[in-house]
Amino acid sequence: MGGSSKAAPDGGTGRNGRSTGGNRGESGRGAMPWKLFLTVGAALLLVTGALAIGRVWGGSEQDQAGEAAGESASAAPEQGTASNADTAPMARLEADDPTAMGPVDAPVVMVAYSDYSCPYCGRWVQETQPDLMHYVESGELRIEWRDFPIITDTSETASHAARAAAAQGMFWEFHESYYAIATESEDLGTEQIIDRVVDEIGLDREQFDTDRHSDEVAAQVNRDFSEALSIGATSTPAFLINGQPVLGAQPLPVFEQVIDQALANAQGDTEEEQ
């Protein structure tokens, strides 16, 4: 996971380094060799669909940087079969997942790999995600969040805090509040932002502190981190929309085009089955 910081296409944070904005003076995440050993076994457990995704994401950073936003959108997602597990290979489709929104039987599933220290992730949450909510509300889209704390030494701290909020049923409230405060107050450190979020959304602080330091929360974050590495993700934000990779905080029309194409594909599959 070594290498210098590079910006992903149209706004992303490169592997292991600092992004060009908003990291609040925290040190890089280069000293994490133990996580690589942790993920070796996970990489061997990839499903067939993940192998295809890895080939897309596993290209050189130069190749990735050369892709235009339109190219990401124009490549149609692969035709799926009857189940979401086939059309969205990395989707977990857990009904009680507090870090997911939208029905488990939605025809399109977006898996989002993100880091709370990533300013581009914050931009996507604040500027793009709200304009995609009509797909969620109509039952057409499910969004599943994955913690990919790769940027700074305290990225994991924020991920653990988000999971502790999820234990109180307030993951998405934490998610929205954290990015908003981090954007507005770039001089604040991670713990200061977390303190403000806890107060703002009304979490039980004692329970929150217990949960954020628990082995269960650490395991949840490690699971997401391992999954991201195993499919070749090297920057944040990174998205899979029914298996179609979209890299970086691309403009809204890119996401709309990929989602609409996935919906059209799903409708075609349904008609063929009838």
C-alpha atoms as a PDB file:
ATOM      1  CA  MET A   1       0.000   0.000   0.000  1.00  0.00           C
ATOM      2  CA  GLY A   2       2.963   2.269  -0.486  1.00  0.00           C
ATOM      3  CA  GLY A   3       3.174   5.057  -2.966  1.00  0.00           C
ATOM      4  CA  SER A   4       2.741   8.753  -3.227  1.00  0.00           C
ATOM      5  CA  SER A   5      -0.534  10.602  -2.921  1.00  0.00           C
ATOM      6  CA  LYS A   6      -2.399  11.047  -6.178  1.00  0.00           C
ATOM      7  CA  ALA A   7      -5.805  12.401  -6.987  1.00  0.00           C
ATOM      8  CA  ALA A   8      -8.187   9.916  -8.561  1.00  0.00           C
ATOM      9  CA  PRO A   9     -10.084  10.891 -11.728  1.00  0.00           C
ATOM     10  CA  ASP A  10     -12.395  13.908 -11.231  1.00  0.00           C
ATOM     11  CA  GLY A  11     -11.920  14.046  -7.515  1.00  0.00           C
ATOM     12  CA  GLY A  12     -10.664  11.112  -5.491  1.00  0.00           C
ATOM     13  CA  THR A  13      -7.978  10.391  -2.971  1.00  0.00           C
ATOM     14  CA  GLY A  14      -5.041   8.261  -4.136  1.00  0.00           C
ATOM     15  CA  ARG A  15      -3.734   5.144  -2.525  1.00  0.00           C
ATOM     16  CA  ASN A  16      -2.252   5.600   0.905  1.00  0.00           C
ATOM     17  CA  GLY A  17      -1.435   9.240   0.586  1.00  0.00           C
ATOM     18  CA  ARG A  18      -2.906  12.569   1.423  1.00  0.00           C
ATOM     19  CA  SER A  19      -5.578  14.100  -0.717  1.00  0.00           C
ATOM     20  CA  THR A  20      -5.081  17.648  -1.856  1.00  0.00           C
ATOM     21  CA  GLY A  21      -7.570  19.044   0.607  1.00  0.00           C
ATOM     22  CA  GLY A  22      -9.016  18.734   4.075  1.00  0.00           C
ATOM     23  CA  ASN A  23      -6.827  16.243   5.918  1.00  0.00           C
ATOM     24  CA  ARG A  24      -6.277  18.715   8.752  1.00  0.00           C
ATOM     25  CA  GLY A  25      -2.548  18.097   9.131  1.00  0.00           C
ATOM     26  CA  GLU A  26      -2.814  14.449  10.054  1.00  0.00           C
ATOM     27  CA  SER A  27      -0.053  12.057   9.073  1.00  0.00           C
ATOM     28  CA  GLY A  28      -0.295   9.677   6.125  1.00  0.00           C
ATOM     29  CA  ARG A  29      -1.418   6.107   6.455  1.00  0.00           C
ATOM     30  CA  GLY A  30       1.721   4.514   5.092  1.00  0.00           C
ATOM     31  CA  ALA A  31       2.669   2.598   8.258  1.00  0.00           C
ATOM     32  CA  MET A  32      -0.025  -0.088   8.070  1.00  0.00           C
ATOM     33  CA  PRO A  33       1.759  -3.282   6.999  1.00  0.00           C
ATOM     34  CA  TRP A  34      -0.230  -5.392   9.463  1.00  0.00           C
ATOM     35  CA  LYS A  35      -3.393  -4.647   7.522  1.00  0.00           C
ATOM     36  CA  LEU A  36      -1.903  -6.060   4.386  1.00  0.00           C
ATOM     37  CA  PHE A  37      -1.232  -9.348   6.143  1.00  0.00           C
ATOM     38  CA  LEU A  38      -4.770  -9.251   7.517  1.00  0.00           C
ATOM     39  CA  THR A  39      -6.210  -9.011   4.012  1.00  0.00           C
ATOM     40  CA  VAL A  40      -4.180 -11.722   2.272  1.00  0.00           C
ATOM     41  CA  GLY A  41      -6.689 -14.386   3.271  1.00  0.00           C
ATOM     42  CA  ALA A  42      -9.629 -12.199   2.324  1.00  0.00           C
ATOM     43  CA  ALA A  43      -8.268 -11.709  -1.168  1.00  0.00           C
ATOM     44  CA  LEU A  44      -8.414 -15.479  -1.717  1.00  0.00           C
ATOM     45  CA  LEU A  45     -12.131 -15.539  -0.945  1.00  0.00           C
ATOM     46  CA  LEU A  46     -13.287 -13.341  -3.827  1.00  0.00           C
ATOM     47  CA  VAL A  47     -16.466 -14.285  -5.596  1.00  0.00           C
ATOM     48  CA  THR A  48     -16.313 -14.648  -9.375  1.00  0.00           C
ATOM     49  CA  GLY A  49     -17.839 -11.234  -9.941  1.00  0.00           C
ATOM     50  CA  ALA A  50     -15.231  -9.585  -7.743  1.00  0.00           C
ATOM     51  CA  LEU A  51     -12.454 -10.983  -9.908  1.00  0.00           C
ATOM     52  CA  ALA A  52     -13.858  -9.128 -12.889  1.00  0.00           C
ATOM     53  CA  ILE A  53     -14.085  -5.944 -10.841  1.00  0.00           C
ATOM     54  CA  GLY A  54     -10.494  -6.374  -9.728  1.00  0.00           C
ATOM     55  CA  ARG A  55      -9.377  -6.424 -13.343  1.00  0.00           C
ATOM     56  CA  VAL A  56     -11.108  -3.078 -13.905  1.00  0.00           C
ATOM     57  CA  TRP A  57      -9.781  -1.439 -10.737  1.00  0.00           C
ATOM     58  CA  GLY A  58      -6.433  -3.186 -10.750  1.00  0.00           C
ATOM     59  CA  GLY A  59      -5.014  -1.217 -13.694  1.00  0.00           C
ATOM     60  CA  SER A  60      -2.244   1.281 -13.294  1.00  0.00           C
ATOM     61  CA  GLU A  61      -3.008   4.675 -11.812  1.00  0.00           C
ATOM     62  CA  GLN A  62      -1.920   6.176 -15.113  1.00  0.00           C
ATOM     63  CA  ASP A  63      -4.584   4.164 -16.917  1.00  0.00           C
ATOM     64  CA  GLN A  64      -7.207   5.174 -14.361  1.00  0.00           C
ATOM     65  CA  ALA A  65      -6.259   8.852 -14.639  1.00  0.00           C
ATOM     66  CA  GLY A  66      -6.710   8.676 -18.397  1.00  0.00           C
ATOM     67  CA  GLU A  67     -10.366   7.637 -18.176  1.00  0.00           C
ATOM     68  CA  ALA A  68     -12.853  10.420 -18.792  1.00  0.00           C
ATOM     69  CA  ALA A  69     -16.032  10.710 -16.763  1.00  0.00           C
ATOM     70  CA  GLY A  70     -18.076   9.921 -19.837  1.00  0.00           C
ATOM     71  CA  GLU A  71     -16.234   6.657 -20.354  1.00  0.00           C
ATOM     72  CA  SER A  72     -17.147   5.528 -16.848  1.00  0.00           C
ATOM     73  CA  ALA A  73     -20.778   6.213 -17.586  1.00  0.00           C
ATOM     74  CA  SER A  74     -20.980   4.912 -21.136  1.00  0.00           C
ATOM     75  CA  ALA A  75     -19.831   1.371 -20.354  1.00  0.00           C
ATOM     76  CA  ALA A  76     -23.039  -0.462 -19.553  1.00  0.00           C
ATOM     77  CA  PRO A  77     -23.146  -2.767 -16.518  1.00  0.00           C
ATOM     78  CA  GLU A  78     -22.990  -6.423 -17.406  1.00  0.00           C
ATOM     79  CA  GLN A  79     -26.308  -8.153 -17.871  1.00  0.00           C
ATOM     80  CA  GLY A  80     -27.359  -9.817 -14.669  1.00  0.00           C
ATOM     81  CA  THR A  81     -29.432 -12.870 -13.929  1.00  0.00           C
ATOM     82  CA  ALA A  82     -32.467 -13.245 -11.740  1.00  0.00           C
ATOM     83  CA  SER A  83     -31.007 -12.134  -8.416  1.00  0.00           C
ATOM     84  CA  ASN A  84     -29.344  -9.001  -7.081  1.00  0.00           C
ATOM     85  CA  ALA A  85     -26.471 -11.161  -5.860  1.00  0.00           C
ATOM     86  CA  ASP A  86     -25.648 -11.840  -9.511  1.00  0.00           C
ATOM     87  CA  THR A  87     -26.081  -8.315 -10.865  1.00  0.00           C
ATOM     88  CA  ALA A  88     -24.366  -6.652  -7.887  1.00  0.00           C
ATOM     89  CA  PRO A  89     -21.589  -9.080  -6.926  1.00  0.00           C
ATOM     90  CA  MET A  90     -20.267  -7.216  -3.852  1.00  0.00           C
ATOM     91  CA  ALA A  91     -23.687  -6.370  -2.404  1.00  0.00           C
ATOM     92  CA  ARG A  92     -24.411  -7.975   0.969  1.00  0.00           C
ATOM     93  CA  LEU A  93     -28.179  -7.438   0.873  1.00  0.00           C
ATOM     94  CA  GLU A  94     -28.568  -7.720   4.643  1.00  0.00           C
ATOM     95  CA  ALA A  95     -32.018  -6.489   5.655  1.00  0.00           C
ATOM     96  CA  ASP A  96     -30.826  -5.254   9.056  1.00  0.00           C
ATOM     97  CA  ASP A  97     -27.681  -3.507   7.781  1.00  0.00           C
ATOM     98  CA  PRO A  98     -27.635  -0.072   9.474  1.00  0.00           C
ATOM     99  CA  THR A  99     -25.088   1.212   6.947  1.00  0.00           C
ATOM    100  CA  ALA A 100     -27.389   0.574   3.984  1.00  0.00           C
ATOM    101  CA  MET A 101     -30.442   2.401   2.696  1.00  0.00           C
ATOM    102  CA  GLY A 102     -33.036   1.220   0.227  1.00  0.00           C
ATOM    103  CA  PRO A 103     -34.806  -2.150  -0.136  1.00  0.00           C
ATOM    104  CA  VAL A 104     -32.801  -5.369  -0.382  1.00  0.00           C
ATOM    105  CA  ASP A 105     -34.696  -6.254  -3.559  1.00  0.00           C
ATOM    106  CA  ALA A 106     -33.918  -2.962  -5.309  1.00  0.00           C
ATOM    107  CA  PRO A 107     -32.946  -3.670  -8.938  1.00  0.00           C
ATOM    108  CA  VAL A 108     -29.804  -1.526  -8.606  1.00  0.00           C
ATOM    109  CA  VAL A 109     -27.273  -1.665  -5.761  1.00  0.00           C
ATOM    110  CA  MET A 110     -24.541   0.905  -5.288  1.00  0.00           C
ATOM    111  CA  VAL A 111     -21.651  -0.167  -3.051  1.00  0.00           C
ATOM    112  CA  ALA A 112     -19.705   2.918  -1.913  1.00  0.00           C
ATOM    113  CA  TYR A 113     -16.149   2.647  -0.567  1.00  0.00           C
ATOM    114  CA  SER A 114     -15.228   5.779   1.332  1.00  0.00           C
ATOM    115  CA  ASP A 115     -13.004   7.419   3.954  1.00  0.00           C
ATOM    116  CA  TYR A 116     -14.151  10.088   6.409  1.00  0.00           C
ATOM    117  CA  SER A 117     -10.844  11.924   5.887  1.00  0.00           C
ATOM    118  CA  CYS A 118     -11.490  12.218   2.157  1.00  0.00           C
ATOM    119  CA  PRO A 119     -12.736  15.666   1.075  1.00  0.00           C
ATOM    120  CA  TYR A 120     -13.956  14.256  -2.226  1.00  0.00           C
ATOM    121  CA  CYS A 121     -16.082  11.738  -0.332  1.00  0.00           C
ATOM    122  CA  GLY A 122     -17.535  14.619   1.644  1.00  0.00           C
ATOM    123  CA  ARG A 123     -18.277  16.499  -1.560  1.00  0.00           C
ATOM    124  CA  TRP A 124     -20.084  13.454  -2.970  1.00  0.00           C
ATOM    125  CA  VAL A 125     -22.137  13.040   0.219  1.00  0.00           C
ATOM    126  CA  GLN A 126     -23.146  16.680   0.276  1.00  0.00           C
ATOM    127  CA  GLU A 127     -23.597  17.413  -3.412  1.00  0.00           C
ATOM    128  CA  THR A 128     -24.407  14.154  -5.213  1.00  0.00           C
ATOM    129  CA  GLN A 129     -25.992  11.717  -2.772  1.00  0.00           C
ATOM    130  CA  PRO A 130     -29.007  13.991  -2.069  1.00  0.00           C
ATOM    131  CA  ASP A 131     -29.823  14.107  -5.788  1.00  0.00           C
ATOM    132  CA  LEU A 132     -29.820  10.298  -5.941  1.00  0.00           C
ATOM    133  CA  MET A 133     -32.253   9.841  -3.060  1.00  0.00           C
ATOM    134  CA  HIS A 134     -35.292   9.786  -5.353  1.00  0.00           C
ATOM    135  CA  TYR A 135     -33.988   6.456  -6.707  1.00  0.00           C
ATOM    136  CA  VAL A 136     -33.771   5.135  -3.128  1.00  0.00           C
ATOM    137  CA  GLU A 137     -37.208   6.450  -2.180  1.00  0.00           C
ATOM    138  CA  SER A 138     -38.790   4.877  -5.266  1.00  0.00           C
ATOM    139  CA  GLY A 139     -37.252   1.485  -4.397  1.00  0.00           C
ATOM    140  CA  GLU A 140     -35.041   1.459  -7.486  1.00  0.00           C
ATOM    141  CA  LEU A 141     -31.696   1.905  -5.710  1.00  0.00           C
ATOM    142  CA  ARG A 142     -30.030   0.512  -2.611  1.00  0.00           C
ATOM    143  CA  ILE A 143     -26.846   2.149  -1.283  1.00  0.00           C
ATOM    144  CA  GLU A 144     -24.496   0.045   0.829  1.00  0.00           C
ATOM    145  CA  TRP A 145     -21.682   1.897   2.593  1.00  0.00           C
ATOM    146  CA  ARG A 146     -18.211   0.432   3.084  1.00  0.00           C
ATOM    147  CA  ASP A 147     -15.543   1.909   5.343  1.00  0.00           C
ATOM    148  CA  PHE A 148     -12.224   2.178   3.516  1.00  0.00           C
ATOM    149  CA  PRO A 149     -10.016   4.079   6.033  1.00  0.00           C
ATOM    150  CA  ILE A 150      -6.921   4.402   3.896  1.00  0.00           C
ATOM    151  CA  ILE A 151      -5.919   8.070   3.982  1.00  0.00           C
ATOM    152  CA  THR A 152      -4.769   9.208   7.425  1.00  0.00           C
ATOM    153  CA  ASP A 153      -3.809   7.659  10.754  1.00  0.00           C
ATOM    154  CA  THR A 154      -7.156   8.748  12.188  1.00  0.00           C
ATOM    155  CA  SER A 155      -9.360   7.580   9.323  1.00  0.00           C
ATOM    156  CA  GLU A 156     -10.058   4.414  11.262  1.00  0.00           C
ATOM    157  CA  THR A 157     -11.036   6.464  14.310  1.00  0.00           C
ATOM    158  CA  ALA A 158     -13.823   8.118  12.351  1.00  0.00           C
ATOM    159  CA  SER A 159     -14.924   4.799  10.822  1.00  0.00           C
ATOM    160  CA  HIS A 160     -15.162   3.219  14.264  1.00  0.00           C
ATOM    161  CA  ALA A 161     -17.173   6.204  15.491  1.00  0.00           C
ATOM    162  CA  ALA A 162     -19.587   5.855  12.574  1.00  0.00           C
ATOM    163  CA  ARG A 163     -20.096   2.181  13.393  1.00  0.00           C
ATOM    164  CA  ALA A 164     -20.740   3.062  17.024  1.00  0.00           C
ATOM    165  CA  ALA A 165     -23.398   5.507  15.853  1.00  0.00           C
ATOM    166  CA  ALA A 166     -24.840   2.718  13.692  1.00  0.00           C
ATOM    167  CA  ALA A 167     -25.227   0.606  16.842  1.00  0.00           C
ATOM    168  CA  GLN A 168     -27.651   3.286  18.045  1.00  0.00           C
ATOM    169  CA  GLY A 169     -29.456   3.334  14.693  1.00  0.00           C
ATOM    170  CA  MET A 170     -27.931   6.666  13.655  1.00  0.00           C
ATOM    171  CA  PHE A 171     -25.292   5.792  11.077  1.00  0.00           C
ATOM    172  CA  TRP A 172     -26.654   8.024   8.322  1.00  0.00           C
ATOM    173  CA  GLU A 173     -27.125  10.917  10.738  1.00  0.00           C
ATOM    174  CA  PHE A 174     -23.471  10.546  11.785  1.00  0.00           C
ATOM    175  CA  HIS A 175     -22.433  10.205   8.152  1.00  0.00           C
ATOM    176  CA  GLU A 176     -24.119  13.451   7.106  1.00  0.00           C
ATOM    177  CA  SER A 177     -23.108  15.435  10.188  1.00  0.00           C
ATOM    178  CA  TYR A 178     -19.450  14.356  10.146  1.00  0.00           C
ATOM    179  CA  TYR A 179     -18.845  15.388   6.552  1.00  0.00           C
ATOM    180  CA  ALA A 180     -20.691  18.681   7.060  1.00  0.00           C
ATOM    181  CA  ILE A 181     -18.642  19.645  10.124  1.00  0.00           C
ATOM    182  CA  ALA A 182     -15.365  18.494   8.548  1.00  0.00           C
ATOM    183  CA  THR A 183     -16.080  20.641   5.484  1.00  0.00           C
ATOM    184  CA  GLU A 184     -17.077  23.706   7.469  1.00  0.00           C
ATOM    185  CA  SER A 185     -14.297  23.491  10.074  1.00  0.00           C
ATOM    186  CA  GLU A 186     -11.126  22.226   8.447  1.00  0.00           C
ATOM    187  CA  ASP A 187      -9.056  23.286  11.451  1.00  0.00           C
ATOM    188  CA  LEU A 188     -10.732  20.709  13.701  1.00  0.00           C
ATOM    189  CA  GLY A 189      -9.120  17.355  14.416  1.00  0.00           C
ATOM    190  CA  THR A 190     -10.953  14.058  14.076  1.00  0.00           C
ATOM    191  CA  GLU A 191     -11.796  13.725  17.785  1.00  0.00           C
ATOM    192  CA  GLN A 192     -13.111  17.280  17.885  1.00  0.00           C
ATOM    193  CA  ILE A 193     -15.359  16.608  14.925  1.00  0.00           C
ATOM    194  CA  ILE A 194     -16.616  13.392  16.519  1.00  0.00           C
ATOM    195  CA  ASP A 195     -17.422  15.217  19.765  1.00  0.00           C
ATOM    196  CA  ARG A 196     -19.465  17.763  17.889  1.00  0.00           C
ATOM    197  CA  VAL A 197     -21.294  15.097  15.909  1.00  0.00           C
ATOM    198  CA  VAL A 198     -22.187  13.141  19.056  1.00  0.00           C
ATOM    199  CA  ASP A 199     -23.726  16.256  20.571  1.00  0.00           C
ATOM    200  CA  GLU A 200     -25.407  17.348  17.351  1.00  0.00           C
ATOM    201  CA  ILE A 201     -27.243  14.097  16.644  1.00  0.00           C
ATOM    202  CA  GLY A 202     -27.893  13.239  20.294  1.00  0.00           C
ATOM    203  CA  LEU A 203     -26.038   9.959  20.764  1.00  0.00           C
ATOM    204  CA  ASP A 204     -25.771   8.247  24.149  1.00  0.00           C
ATOM    205  CA  ARG A 205     -22.138   9.174  24.731  1.00  0.00           C
ATOM    206  CA  GLU A 206     -21.360   6.437  27.263  1.00  0.00           C
ATOM    207  CA  GLN A 207     -22.701   3.716  24.981  1.00  0.00           C
ATOM    208  CA  PHE A 208     -21.035   5.351  21.999  1.00  0.00           C
ATOM    209  CA  ASP A 209     -17.609   5.348  23.680  1.00  0.00           C
ATOM    210  CA  THR A 210     -18.029   1.706  24.676  1.00  0.00           C
ATOM    211  CA  ASP A 211     -19.036   0.626  21.192  1.00  0.00           C
ATOM    212  CA  ARG A 212     -16.408   2.572  19.278  1.00  0.00           C
ATOM    213  CA  HIS A 213     -13.607   0.791  21.138  1.00  0.00           C
ATOM    214  CA  SER A 214     -15.167  -2.675  20.890  1.00  0.00           C
ATOM    215  CA  ASP A 215     -13.751  -5.643  19.021  1.00  0.00           C
ATOM    216  CA  GLU A 216     -17.034  -5.977  17.139  1.00  0.00           C
ATOM    217  CA  VAL A 217     -16.755  -2.503  15.635  1.00  0.00           C
ATOM    218  CA  ALA A 218     -13.091  -3.068  14.764  1.00  0.00           C
ATOM    219  CA  ALA A 219     -14.048  -6.302  12.993  1.00  0.00           C
ATOM    220  CA  GLN A 220     -16.773  -4.552  10.990  1.00  0.00           C
ATOM    221  CA  VAL A 221     -14.380  -1.882   9.741  1.00  0.00           C
ATOM    222  CA  ASN A 222     -11.646  -4.435   9.000  1.00  0.00           C
ATOM    223  CA  ARG A 223     -14.132  -6.477   6.983  1.00  0.00           C
ATOM    224  CA  ASP A 224     -14.920  -3.496   4.774  1.00  0.00           C
ATOM    225  CA  PHE A 225     -11.259  -2.533   4.450  1.00  0.00           C
ATOM    226  CA  SER A 226     -10.283  -6.055   3.442  1.00  0.00           C
ATOM    227  CA  GLU A 227     -13.085  -6.240   0.899  1.00  0.00           C
ATOM    228  CA  ALA A 228     -12.005  -2.985  -0.755  1.00  0.00           C
ATOM    229  CA  LEU A 229      -8.394  -4.131  -1.055  1.00  0.00           C
ATOM    230  CA  SER A 230      -9.397  -7.556  -2.305  1.00  0.00           C
ATOM    231  CA  ILE A 231     -11.213  -6.138  -5.336  1.00  0.00           C
ATOM    232  CA  GLY A 232      -8.385  -3.759  -6.165  1.00  0.00           C
ATOM    233  CA  ALA A 233      -9.729  -0.437  -4.861  1.00  0.00           C
ATOM    234  CA  THR A 234      -6.874   2.018  -4.310  1.00  0.00           C
ATOM    235  CA  SER A 235      -8.608   5.361  -3.818  1.00  0.00           C
ATOM    236  CA  THR A 236     -11.726   6.982  -2.383  1.00  0.00           C
ATOM    237  CA  PRO A 237     -14.478   7.458  -3.163  1.00  0.00           C
ATOM    238  CA  ALA A 238     -15.011   4.381  -5.325  1.00  0.00           C
ATOM    239  CA  PHE A 239     -18.362   2.940  -6.303  1.00  0.00           C
ATOM    240  CA  LEU A 240     -19.801  -0.233  -7.783  1.00  0.00           C
ATOM    241  CA  ILE A 241     -23.229   0.168  -9.361  1.00  0.00           C
ATOM    242  CA  ASN A 242     -24.497  -3.316 -10.185  1.00  0.00           C
ATOM    243  CA  GLY A 243     -20.866  -4.233 -10.668  1.00  0.00           C
ATOM    244  CA  GLN A 244     -19.996  -1.209 -12.841  1.00  0.00           C
ATOM    245  CA  PRO A 245     -17.057   0.734 -11.323  1.00  0.00           C
ATOM    246  CA  VAL A 246     -17.292   4.513 -11.028  1.00  0.00           C
ATOM    247  CA  LEU A 247     -14.122   6.100  -9.650  1.00  0.00           C
ATOM    248  CA  GLY A 248     -13.964   9.419  -7.859  1.00  0.00           C
ATOM    249  CA  ALA A 249     -16.559  12.061  -7.035  1.00  0.00           C
ATOM    250  CA  GLN A 250     -17.823  12.150 -10.599  1.00  0.00           C
ATOM    251  CA  PRO A 251     -20.516  14.651 -11.630  1.00  0.00           C
ATOM    252  CA  LEU A 252     -24.139  13.738 -10.958  1.00  0.00           C
ATOM    253  CA  PRO A 253     -24.929  12.916 -14.628  1.00  0.00           C
ATOM    254  CA  VAL A 254     -22.345  10.126 -14.557  1.00  0.00           C
ATOM    255  CA  PHE A 255     -24.115   8.398 -11.674  1.00  0.00           C
ATOM    256  CA  GLU A 256     -27.537   9.003 -13.202  1.00  0.00           C
ATOM    257  CA  GLN A 257     -26.457   7.497 -16.528  1.00  0.00           C
ATOM    258  CA  VAL A 258     -24.963   4.379 -14.932  1.00  0.00           C
ATOM    259  CA  ILE A 259     -27.983   3.901 -12.632  1.00  0.00           C
ATOM    260  CA  ASP A 260     -30.464   4.442 -15.476  1.00  0.00           C
ATOM    261  CA  GLN A 261     -28.593   1.945 -17.659  1.00  0.00           C
ATOM    262  CA  ALA A 262     -28.597  -0.585 -14.813  1.00  0.00           C
ATOM    263  CA  LEU A 263     -32.339  -0.051 -14.355  1.00  0.00           C
ATOM    264  CA  ALA A 264     -32.889  -0.593 -18.082  1.00  0.00           C
ATOM    265  CA  ASN A 265     -30.849  -3.782 -17.950  1.00  0.00           C
ATOM    266  CA  ALA A 266     -32.829  -5.010 -14.933  1.00  0.00           C
ATOM    267  CA  GLN A 267     -36.117  -4.231 -16.710  1.00  0.00           C
ATOM    268  CA  GLY A 268     -34.930  -6.145 -19.761  1.00  0.00           C
ATOM    269  CA  ASP A 269     -34.055  -9.157 -17.628  1.00  0.00           C
ATOM    270  CA  THR A 270     -37.507  -9.078 -16.024  1.00  0.00           C
ATOM    271  CA  GLU A 271     -39.248  -8.966 -19.400  1.00  0.00           C
ATOM    272  CA  GLU A 272     -37.170 -11.888 -20.679  1.00  0.00           C
ATOM    273  CA  GLU A 273     -38.213 -13.982 -17.687  1.00  0.00           C
ATOM    274  CA  GLN A 274     -41.914 -13.359 -18.262  1.00  0.00           C
END
